[in-house]
Amino acid sequence: MTTMLLAEMTSAHFIYIPGVFGLGVVAGYLLGGKAATMARADATERERLREARRARRARGEPRVEP
């Protein structure tokens, strides 16, 4: 087994690794924000449908299956 000495590392290691890490953080932030926005929209739509169902039930209309 060969061991890698610190002297054998190039400066690319100190640029590439943090760069890839930073890119991952930015991508995660963007994708996470989009997922949160979509989850909020889904929750709002579910609540709207629930309220419409309650209103129909209060008026005595028959149940409508999707």
Protein backbone atom coordinates (compact mmCIF):
# COMPACT_ATOMS: atom_id res chain seq x y z
CA MET A 1 0.00 0.00 0.00
CA THR A 2 1.35 3.38 -0.93
CA THR A 3 0.83 6.41 1.22
CA MET A 4 0.16 9.84 -0.20
CA LEU A 5 2.23 12.58 1.31
CA LEU A 6 0.90 16.07 1.77
CA ALA A 7 3.65 17.31 -0.52
CA GLU A 8 2.21 15.23 -3.39
CA MET A 9 -1.14 17.03 -3.30
CA THR A 10 -1.52 19.78 -5.84
CA SER A 11 -3.33 23.04 -5.27
CA ALA A 12 -6.23 21.59 -7.27
CA HIS A 13 -7.24 19.61 -4.18
CA PHE A 14 -7.65 22.81 -2.21
CA ILE A 15 -9.70 24.43 -4.97
CA TYR A 16 -11.70 21.53 -6.41
CA ILE A 17 -13.02 19.97 -3.20
CA PRO A 18 -14.41 23.19 -1.64
CA GLY A 19 -15.73 24.21 -5.06
CA VAL A 20 -17.71 21.00 -5.45
CA PHE A 21 -18.94 21.34 -1.87
CA GLY A 22 -20.07 24.91 -2.53
CA LEU A 23 -21.82 23.86 -5.73
CA GLY A 24 -23.67 21.17 -3.79
CA VAL A 25 -24.79 23.68 -1.17
CA VAL A 26 -26.11 26.07 -3.82
CA ALA A 27 -27.89 23.27 -5.72
CA GLY A 28 -29.44 21.98 -2.49
CA TYR A 29 -30.64 25.45 -1.55
CA LEU A 30 -32.27 26.00 -4.94
CA LEU A 31 -33.88 22.56 -5.15
CA GLY A 32 -35.01 22.71 -1.52
CA GLY A 33 -36.63 26.10 -2.09
CA LYS A 34 -38.48 24.80 -5.10
CA ALA A 35 -39.68 21.73 -3.18
CA ALA A 36 -40.90 23.91 -0.30
CA THR A 37 -42.81 26.17 -2.70
CA MET A 38 -44.45 23.17 -4.36
CA ALA A 39 -45.37 21.66 -0.98
CA ARG A 40 -47.00 24.94 0.08
CA ALA A 41 -48.98 25.07 -3.17
CA ASP A 42 -50.13 21.46 -2.69
CA ALA A 43 -51.23 22.18 0.87
CA THR A 44 -53.15 25.26 -0.27
CA GLU A 45 -54.89 23.25 -3.00
CA ARG A 46 -55.82 20.47 -0.54
CA GLU A 47 -57.27 23.05 1.85
CA ARG A 48 -59.26 24.68 -0.98
CA LEU A 49 -60.72 21.31 -1.98
CA ARG A 50 -61.53 20.48 1.64
CA GLU A 51 -63.39 23.77 2.08
CA ALA A 52 -65.30 23.24 -1.17
CA ARG A 53 -66.30 19.75 0.03
CA ARG A 54 -67.49 21.17 3.36
CA ALA A 55 -69.51 23.87 1.60
CA ARG A 56 -71.19 21.30 -0.68
CA ARG A 57 -71.97 19.11 2.31
CA ALA A 58 -73.46 22.09 4.18
CA ARG A 59 -75.73 22.85 1.20
CA GLY A 60 -76.86 19.21 1.12
CA GLU A 61 -75.48 18.44 -2.33
CA PRO A 62 -74.65 14.82 -3.16
CA ARG A 63 -71.09 13.58 -2.81
CA VAL A 64 -68.96 13.91 -5.95
CA GLU A 65 -66.17 11.39 -6.45
CA PRO A 66 -63.13 12.55 -8.47
